[in-house]
Protein backbone atom coordinates (compact mmCIF):
# COMPACT_ATOMS: atom_id res chain seq x y z
CA MET A 1 5.45 1.20 -25.16
CA ARG A 2 1.93 -0.20 -24.85
CA GLN A 3 -0.54 2.40 -23.61
CA LEU A 4 -3.83 1.96 -21.82
CA PRO A 5 -6.99 2.68 -23.80
CA LEU A 6 -8.33 6.14 -23.07
CA ASN A 7 -11.10 6.33 -20.51
CA LYS A 8 -14.73 6.82 -21.48
CA ILE A 9 -15.77 8.48 -18.21
CA ARG A 10 -15.96 12.20 -17.72
CA PRO A 11 -12.61 13.93 -17.05
CA LEU A 12 -11.82 14.21 -13.37
CA GLU A 13 -10.19 17.10 -11.54
CA ILE A 14 -7.33 15.36 -9.74
CA LEU A 15 -5.05 17.03 -7.19
CA PHE A 16 -1.77 15.40 -6.19
CA VAL A 17 -0.35 16.46 -2.81
CA HIS A 18 3.26 15.57 -2.03
CA GLN A 19 6.04 17.69 -0.55
CA ASN A 20 8.48 16.10 -3.01
CA PHE A 21 6.13 15.80 -5.98
CA PRO A 22 6.14 13.83 -8.21
CA GLY A 23 7.62 11.31 -5.75
CA GLN A 24 5.69 8.03 -5.94
CA PHE A 25 3.36 9.61 -8.51
CA LEU A 26 6.07 10.04 -11.12
CA TYR A 27 4.26 7.86 -13.66
CA LEU A 28 0.68 7.93 -12.41
CA ALA A 29 0.13 11.69 -12.73
CA PRO A 30 1.23 11.98 -16.39
CA GLU A 31 -0.75 8.84 -17.29
CA LEU A 32 -3.94 10.25 -15.79
CA ALA A 33 -3.32 13.52 -17.65
CA ARG A 34 -2.79 11.61 -20.88
CA ARG A 35 -6.16 9.96 -20.33
CA GLY A 36 -7.88 13.33 -20.34
CA HIS A 37 -8.10 14.10 -16.64
CA VAL A 38 -7.20 17.56 -15.39
CA CYS A 39 -4.25 16.94 -13.08
CA ARG A 40 -2.62 19.48 -10.81
CA ALA A 41 -0.17 19.23 -7.95
CA LEU A 42 0.36 21.00 -4.64
CA THR A 43 3.87 20.80 -3.20
CA ASP A 44 6.35 22.54 -0.89
CA VAL A 45 7.98 25.63 -2.37
CA LYS A 46 11.36 24.09 -1.42
CA ASN A 47 10.75 21.22 -3.81
CA LYS A 48 12.94 21.72 -6.89
CA ARG A 49 11.83 18.60 -8.78
CA THR A 50 10.22 19.26 -12.13
CA SER A 51 7.07 17.81 -13.65
CA SER A 52 4.84 18.28 -16.66
CA ILE A 53 1.88 18.58 -14.25
CA PRO A 54 0.78 22.17 -13.48
CA THR A 55 1.84 22.82 -9.91
CA TRP A 56 0.86 25.07 -7.03
CA TYR A 57 3.21 25.70 -4.12
CA TYR A 58 2.74 26.19 -0.41
CA LYS A 59 5.30 27.71 1.95
CA HIS A 60 5.76 25.93 5.22
CA ASP A 61 7.95 27.21 8.02
CA CYS A 62 8.57 24.29 10.34
CA GLN A 63 8.33 25.58 13.88
CA PRO A 64 10.62 24.04 16.51
CA VAL A 65 8.83 21.86 19.02
CA ASP A 66 9.90 21.79 22.67
CA PRO A 67 10.32 18.06 23.41
CA ARG A 68 9.70 18.68 27.12
CA ALA A 69 6.34 20.26 26.40
CA ALA A 70 5.22 18.11 23.50
CA ARG A 71 6.66 14.83 24.83
CA LEU A 72 5.03 11.96 22.87
CA GLY A 73 3.04 14.44 20.81
CA ARG A 74 6.12 15.95 19.21
CA SER A 75 5.81 14.01 15.95
CA TYR A 76 2.11 14.71 15.71
CA ALA A 77 2.73 18.42 16.36
CA ILE A 78 5.30 18.63 13.56
CA HIS A 79 3.22 16.82 10.96
CA SER A 80 -0.16 18.27 11.85
CA ASP A 81 1.41 21.72 11.62
CA ARG A 82 2.38 20.98 8.01
CA GLY A 83 -1.11 19.62 7.46
CA ALA A 84 -2.57 22.92 8.64
CA THR A 85 -0.30 24.84 6.25
CA VAL A 86 -1.45 22.69 3.34
CA ALA A 87 -5.07 23.11 4.36
CA ARG A 88 -4.69 26.91 4.35
CA ALA A 89 -3.22 26.73 0.86
CA ALA A 90 -6.15 24.53 -0.19
CA LEU A 91 -8.64 26.99 1.30
CA LYS A 92 -7.12 29.76 -0.76
CA LEU A 93 -7.39 27.65 -3.92
CA ARG A 94 -11.05 26.92 -3.17
CA ASP A 95 -12.09 30.45 -2.28
CA GLN A 96 -9.92 32.54 -4.61
CA GLU A 97 -9.67 30.27 -7.65
CA ASN A 98 -12.89 28.27 -7.21
CA TYR A 99 -10.86 25.08 -7.43
CA VAL A 100 -12.67 21.91 -6.36
CA PRO A 101 -11.03 18.53 -7.07
CA ASP A 102 -12.97 15.35 -7.64
CA VAL A 103 -10.05 13.23 -6.38
CA ILE A 104 -7.14 14.03 -4.06
CA ILE A 105 -4.14 11.73 -4.10
CA GLY A 106 -1.60 12.39 -1.37
CA HIS A 107 1.22 10.86 0.66
CA SER A 108 0.34 10.48 4.34
CA GLY A 109 3.94 10.51 5.53
CA TRP A 110 4.25 14.22 6.30
CA GLY A 111 0.74 15.12 7.43
CA GLU A 112 -0.14 16.98 4.26
CA THR A 113 -3.55 15.31 3.76
CA LEU A 114 -4.73 15.53 7.37
CA PHE A 115 -7.22 18.37 6.97
CA LEU A 116 -8.05 18.42 3.25
CA LYS A 117 -11.45 16.83 3.81
CA GLU A 118 -12.33 19.94 5.82
CA ILE A 119 -11.79 22.02 2.69
CA TRP A 120 -13.19 19.64 0.09
CA PRO A 121 -15.52 17.19 1.94
CA GLU A 122 -16.96 15.75 -1.27
CA ALA A 123 -13.62 14.93 -2.86
CA ARG A 124 -12.49 11.32 -2.88
CA LEU A 125 -9.23 11.14 -0.91
CA LEU A 126 -6.67 8.45 -1.72
CA SER A 127 -3.89 8.24 0.88
CA TYR A 128 -0.52 6.69 0.03
CA ALA A 129 0.01 4.50 3.12
CA GLU A 130 3.70 3.69 2.87
CA PHE A 131 4.54 2.53 6.40
CA TYR A 132 3.02 2.46 9.89
CA TYR A 133 5.46 2.94 12.75
CA ARG A 134 5.32 0.35 15.51
CA GLY A 135 7.31 -0.53 18.61
CA GLU A 136 7.95 -4.14 17.60
CA GLY A 137 8.10 -6.23 14.47
CA ALA A 138 9.65 -3.72 12.09
CA ASP A 139 12.68 -1.43 12.10
CA VAL A 140 12.73 -0.50 15.81
CA GLY A 141 15.07 -2.80 17.69
CA PHE A 142 16.09 -4.75 14.57
CA ASP A 143 19.76 -3.76 14.62
CA LEU A 144 21.00 -3.82 18.21
CA GLU A 145 24.46 -2.58 17.21
CA PHE A 146 23.18 0.96 17.07
CA ARG A 147 20.41 1.04 19.63
CA SER A 148 18.98 -1.48 22.01
CA PRO A 149 15.34 -0.49 22.34
CA LYS A 150 14.22 0.71 25.73
CA PHE A 151 10.63 0.91 26.83
CA ASP A 152 10.50 4.60 25.97
CA ASP A 153 11.64 3.84 22.41
CA LEU A 154 8.73 1.47 21.92
CA ILE A 155 6.28 4.10 23.16
CA ILE A 156 7.81 6.81 20.98
CA ALA A 157 7.61 4.60 17.86
CA GLN A 158 3.98 3.81 18.55
CA ALA A 159 3.17 7.47 19.22
CA ARG A 160 4.67 8.44 15.83
CA ALA A 161 1.86 6.51 14.16
CA ALA A 162 -0.89 8.82 15.47
CA TYR A 163 -0.93 11.13 12.48
CA LEU A 164 -0.67 8.20 10.06
CA ALA A 165 -3.76 6.59 11.56
CA GLN A 166 -5.65 9.90 11.38
CA ALA A 167 -4.62 10.43 7.77
CA LEU A 168 -5.94 7.02 6.74
CA LEU A 169 -9.14 7.27 8.79
CA HIS A 170 -9.99 10.53 7.04
CA ALA A 171 -9.30 9.05 3.61
CA ASP A 172 -11.63 7.03 1.43
CA VAL A 173 -9.00 4.47 0.49
CA GLY A 174 -5.35 3.76 1.21
CA LEU A 175 -2.69 2.67 -1.24
CA SER A 176 0.43 0.67 -0.28
CA PRO A 177 3.13 -0.62 -2.65
CA THR A 178 3.73 -4.02 -1.00
CA GLU A 179 1.83 -6.52 1.09
CA TRP A 180 4.36 -6.31 3.91
CA GLN A 181 4.20 -2.52 4.10
CA ALA A 182 0.41 -2.72 4.20
CA SER A 183 0.65 -5.35 6.97
CA THR A 184 2.41 -2.85 9.27
CA PHE A 185 -0.97 -1.10 9.69
CA PRO A 186 -3.35 -2.47 12.34
CA PRO A 187 -6.15 -4.71 10.99
CA SER A 188 -8.85 -2.04 11.22
CA LEU A 189 -6.80 0.24 8.97
CA ARG A 190 -5.34 -2.52 6.80
CA SER A 191 -8.86 -3.27 5.55
CA MET A 192 -8.89 0.20 3.92
CA ILE A 193 -5.68 -0.36 1.96
CA LYS A 194 -5.29 -1.57 -1.62
CA VAL A 195 -1.87 -3.01 -2.50
CA VAL A 196 -0.52 -1.89 -5.86
CA TYR A 197 3.17 -1.50 -6.59
CA ASP A 198 4.36 1.82 -8.07
CA GLY A 199 5.82 0.04 -11.09
CA VAL A 200 9.19 -0.08 -12.85
CA ASP A 201 9.72 0.32 -16.58
CA CYS A 202 10.90 -3.16 -17.50
CA THR A 203 11.37 -2.14 -21.13
CA LYS A 204 13.93 0.50 -20.29
CA LEU A 205 15.61 -1.90 -17.86
CA ALA A 206 15.90 -4.76 -20.37
CA PRO A 207 19.46 -6.23 -20.45
CA ASN A 208 21.65 -4.28 -22.83
CA ALA A 209 24.80 -5.97 -24.14
CA GLU A 210 26.01 -2.62 -25.54
CA ALA A 211 25.83 -0.75 -22.21
CA SER A 212 28.89 0.76 -20.60
CA LEU A 213 29.75 2.79 -17.53
CA THR A 214 32.75 5.07 -17.21
CA LEU A 215 34.10 5.34 -13.68
CA PRO A 216 35.59 8.54 -12.22
CA ASN A 217 39.10 7.16 -12.80
CA GLY A 218 38.35 6.66 -16.51
CA LYS A 219 37.97 2.89 -16.39
CA VAL A 220 35.08 1.64 -18.57
CA LEU A 221 32.90 -1.21 -17.33
CA ARG A 222 30.86 -3.39 -19.72
CA PRO A 223 28.49 -6.38 -19.44
CA GLY A 224 30.52 -9.48 -18.65
CA ASP A 225 33.02 -7.64 -16.47
CA GLU A 226 33.34 -8.70 -12.83
CA VAL A 227 31.31 -5.93 -11.20
CA LEU A 228 29.68 -5.96 -7.77
CA THR A 229 27.10 -3.19 -7.21
CA PHE A 230 25.38 -1.67 -4.17
CA VAL A 231 22.81 1.11 -4.53
CA ASN A 232 20.75 3.20 -2.14
CA ARG A 233 19.61 6.80 -1.86
CA ASN A 234 21.98 7.29 1.08
CA LEU A 235 24.61 4.98 2.55
CA GLU A 236 23.37 4.10 6.05
CA PRO A 237 22.65 1.20 8.42
CA TYR A 238 18.94 1.01 7.57
CA ARG A 239 19.98 -0.22 4.12
CA GLY A 240 22.75 -2.51 5.35
CA TYR A 241 25.71 -0.42 4.21
CA HIS A 242 27.73 -1.49 7.28
CA ILE A 243 27.15 -5.19 6.59
CA PHE A 244 28.07 -4.81 2.91
CA MET A 245 31.30 -2.98 3.71
CA ARG A 246 32.30 -5.57 6.30
CA ALA A 247 31.82 -8.32 3.71
CA LEU A 248 34.11 -6.64 1.18
CA PRO A 249 37.55 -7.62 2.57
CA ASP A 250 36.99 -11.35 2.00
CA VAL A 251 35.21 -10.72 -1.32
CA MET A 252 37.98 -8.58 -2.72
CA ALA A 253 40.71 -10.90 -1.49
CA ALA A 254 39.05 -13.86 -3.18
CA ARG A 255 38.23 -11.95 -6.39
CA PRO A 256 41.28 -9.79 -7.23
CA GLN A 257 39.75 -8.57 -10.51
CA ALA A 258 36.37 -7.52 -9.08
CA GLN A 259 35.33 -3.89 -9.28
CA VAL A 260 32.94 -2.65 -6.58
CA VAL A 261 30.62 0.22 -7.51
CA ILE A 262 28.62 1.93 -4.77
CA VAL A 263 25.87 4.50 -5.41
CA GLY A 264 24.40 6.65 -2.63
CA GLY A 265 24.69 9.97 -0.86
CA ASP A 266 26.27 10.91 2.46
CA GLU A 267 23.06 12.05 4.14
CA VAL A 268 20.58 10.17 6.37
CA SER A 269 17.26 9.13 4.86
CA TYR A 270 16.19 6.88 7.73
CA GLY A 271 17.22 6.47 11.31
CA SER A 272 19.71 8.70 13.10
CA PRO A 273 23.01 10.28 12.10
CA PRO A 274 26.20 8.94 13.73
CA LYS A 275 26.49 10.00 17.36
CA GLN A 276 30.21 10.55 16.92
CA GLY A 277 29.65 12.90 13.99
CA GLY A 278 30.79 12.46 10.39
CA THR A 279 28.95 10.29 7.90
CA TRP A 280 28.00 6.62 7.91
CA LYS A 281 29.79 6.28 4.60
CA ASP A 282 33.15 7.34 6.02
CA ILE A 283 32.73 5.53 9.33
CA PHE A 284 32.31 2.11 7.76
CA LEU A 285 34.78 2.77 4.95
CA SER A 286 37.45 3.62 7.50
CA GLU A 287 36.58 0.41 9.40
CA VAL A 288 37.74 -1.72 6.46
CA SER A 289 39.94 0.65 4.43
CA ASP A 290 43.20 -1.11 5.40
CA LYS A 291 41.76 -4.48 4.35
CA ILE A 292 40.52 -3.67 0.84
CA ASP A 293 41.98 -2.41 -2.40
CA LEU A 294 40.58 1.12 -2.51
CA ASN A 295 41.49 1.42 -6.19
CA ARG A 296 38.78 -1.11 -6.94
CA VAL A 297 36.04 0.47 -4.80
CA HIS A 298 34.24 3.29 -6.58
CA PHE A 299 31.83 5.64 -4.81
CA LEU A 300 29.68 7.47 -7.37
CA GLY A 301 27.48 9.43 -4.95
CA LYS A 302 24.00 10.16 -6.31
CA VAL A 303 23.70 9.60 -10.04
CA PRO A 304 21.22 10.33 -12.87
CA TYR A 305 18.77 7.54 -13.67
CA SER A 306 20.52 6.82 -16.99
CA THR A 307 23.77 6.17 -15.12
CA PHE A 308 21.93 3.91 -12.68
CA THR A 309 20.42 1.80 -15.47
CA ASN A 310 23.81 1.47 -17.16
CA LEU A 311 25.24 0.36 -13.82
CA LEU A 312 22.64 -2.41 -13.56
CA HIS A 313 23.40 -3.50 -17.09
CA VAL A 314 27.10 -3.94 -16.36
CA SER A 315 26.58 -5.47 -12.91
CA ARG A 316 27.47 -9.13 -12.48
CA VAL A 317 26.11 -9.24 -8.91
CA HIS A 318 23.90 -6.74 -7.12
CA ALA A 319 23.65 -6.67 -3.29
CA TYR A 320 20.57 -5.29 -1.56
CA LEU A 321 19.99 -5.12 2.20
CA THR A 322 17.30 -3.43 4.25
CA TYR A 323 15.88 -3.43 7.75
CA PRO A 324 12.20 -4.48 7.93
CA PHE A 325 11.16 -1.18 6.40
CA VAL A 326 10.08 0.44 3.14
CA LEU A 327 11.25 -1.50 0.09
CA SER A 328 13.54 0.36 -2.33
CA TRP A 329 12.63 0.65 -6.00
CA SER A 330 16.23 -0.29 -6.83
CA LEU A 331 15.71 -3.92 -5.77
CA VAL A 332 12.89 -4.47 -8.23
CA GLU A 333 14.77 -2.52 -10.89
CA ALA A 334 17.79 -4.79 -10.47
CA LEU A 335 15.59 -7.87 -10.86
CA ALA A 336 13.96 -6.35 -13.94
CA ALA A 337 17.42 -5.78 -15.42
CA GLY A 338 18.15 -9.48 -15.04
CA ALA A 339 20.90 -9.07 -12.47
CA ILE A 340 22.04 -11.74 -10.01
CA VAL A 341 20.54 -10.21 -6.89
CA VAL A 342 21.66 -11.19 -3.41
CA GLY A 343 19.20 -9.76 -0.87
CA SER A 344 18.80 -9.71 2.88
CA ARG A 345 16.49 -12.29 4.41
CA THR A 346 14.15 -9.64 5.76
CA ARG A 347 10.41 -9.64 5.21
CA PRO A 348 10.20 -6.81 2.65
CA VAL A 349 12.78 -8.57 0.48
CA GLU A 350 11.31 -12.04 0.96
CA GLU A 351 8.07 -10.77 -0.57
CA VAL A 352 9.94 -10.14 -3.85
CA ILE A 353 12.76 -12.72 -3.87
CA GLU A 354 12.29 -16.45 -3.57
CA HIS A 355 15.65 -17.91 -2.62
CA GLY A 356 17.19 -19.95 -5.43
CA GLU A 357 14.44 -19.08 -7.88
CA ASN A 358 14.72 -15.40 -8.85
CA GLY A 359 17.46 -14.31 -6.46
CA LEU A 360 19.44 -15.36 -3.39
CA LEU A 361 18.90 -14.50 0.28
CA VAL A 362 21.38 -14.14 3.12
CA ASP A 363 20.62 -13.36 6.76
CA PHE A 364 21.01 -9.62 7.21
CA PHE A 365 23.72 -9.82 9.92
CA ASP A 366 25.68 -12.80 8.55
CA VAL A 367 28.76 -10.98 7.26
CA SER A 368 30.69 -14.14 6.41
CA GLY A 369 27.58 -15.52 4.68
CA TRP A 370 27.41 -12.39 2.55
CA SER A 371 31.08 -12.78 1.62
CA ARG A 372 30.66 -16.40 0.62
CA GLN A 373 27.53 -15.82 -1.46
CA LEU A 374 28.94 -12.77 -3.27
CA ILE A 375 32.20 -14.60 -4.03
CA GLU A 376 30.30 -17.56 -5.49
CA CYS A 377 28.15 -15.37 -7.70
CA LEU A 378 31.12 -13.35 -8.94
CA ALA A 379 33.17 -16.47 -9.62
CA GLU A 380 30.53 -18.55 -11.38
CA PRO A 381 27.97 -16.28 -13.06
CA GLU A 382 27.10 -18.94 -15.66
CA HIS A 383 25.59 -21.09 -12.88
CA PHE A 384 22.98 -18.42 -12.24
CA LEU A 385 21.70 -17.80 -15.77
CA ALA A 386 18.30 -19.44 -15.11
CA LEU A 387 17.95 -17.41 -11.91
CA ARG A 388 18.61 -14.16 -13.80
CA GLN A 389 16.04 -15.05 -16.46
CA GLU A 390 13.47 -15.88 -13.82
CA ALA A 391 14.22 -12.63 -11.99
CA ARG A 392 13.33 -10.62 -15.07
CA ARG A 393 10.30 -12.78 -15.93
CA ARG A 394 8.79 -12.30 -12.48
CA ALA A 395 9.55 -8.60 -12.47
CA ILE A 396 7.66 -8.20 -15.73
CA ALA A 397 4.78 -10.37 -14.53
CA HIS A 398 4.29 -8.61 -11.17
CA TYR A 399 5.92 -5.19 -11.23
CA ASP A 400 5.99 -3.87 -14.80
CA LEU A 401 4.87 -0.29 -15.00
CA HIS A 402 2.88 -0.41 -18.24
CA SER A 403 1.35 -3.88 -18.29
CA VAL A 404 0.63 -4.38 -14.61
CA CYS A 405 0.96 -1.46 -12.20
CA LEU A 406 -0.35 1.56 -14.12
CA PRO A 407 -3.54 -0.24 -15.20
CA ARG A 408 -4.25 -1.17 -11.60
CA LEU A 409 -3.49 2.32 -10.31
CA VAL A 410 -5.64 3.93 -12.97
CA ARG A 411 -8.55 1.65 -12.14
CA LEU A 412 -8.18 2.58 -8.48
CA VAL A 413 -8.37 6.27 -9.30
CA GLU A 414 -11.04 6.14 -11.99
CA GLY A 415 -13.12 3.29 -10.66
CA GLY A 416 -13.86 4.75 -7.26
């Protein structure tokens, strides 16, 4: 692994603030510590993730908000309340431990950074600006199967952005992982944002001919096997799980040897839970269960990262869908692994995949189009060798953790 040269500036006191730390700062925080900076983290006491970075904890009791009283301010009330909790924890660190950071790096998504400038006005505040809610042009109203947007929905989506705008206005600089995500912010705020991707370790993801994956039924998959993969944190409409499942009957009928491996939990990361109860996973599985060979569909749930990388190494074709929303790391990781990636023709994906060059694109809602493209890729993988090679080449050139992303992130933090 190639490492950055150590800095020649004075060590900085750097505070990371993230309710799920390390979150997006998984690699950045240890790298800054390696370079001699004094890094600490402040996170929610409920966060059970581990890190080598010394960590303080705050305890936040989320108070229920009466929607009739708060109305459009409900989201702001919830997130600013957490921001106040974090500010009180920061005040205690300042007054009781004499802690004063030079740089604060925090995620704006939960309101945690809203009031930190009131505690440490001289600190440089870097706000991770992941997504700006809007009434049109993004996720709201994209998938009319689940909700046709009414006027109130547009207002509510726009109102949700209030705390995000405040967080960025009070920061010194914003950080967004992709150009499209940065573009969701209005022009006056977009001008504050630097676009630097979080980075994926392309060395660890390099194709591995010796990889294998043992399924729950004991079957062992290896590179070269006919394997179709689908991965997300949770299986839900925002990530196209319903479209993928509806494409499977034709795919599995045409490819009787194909094994389908699906990774993801039963919870809801984005959007709403099913109105009828149950889980999205079971709802869309039951929709097609009598049309597919269930012995060849394998749900692994949430898996360790080592299992995920092995899955990419044995995958012949990887499907990735998303609403116009935050881009998943798994898409870039699949490209870095040299997989044949079929992605949805939505703007976050189009920023990364050029159709026919480093991947393939299908309209999000075109179920029959998905079936046809997946069948072709499974049947004739040798026709896509150049595409796979280009996928990995571009991933290394634009998204590699060590050669591209970490150097840019470090410069942003150290350079001011």
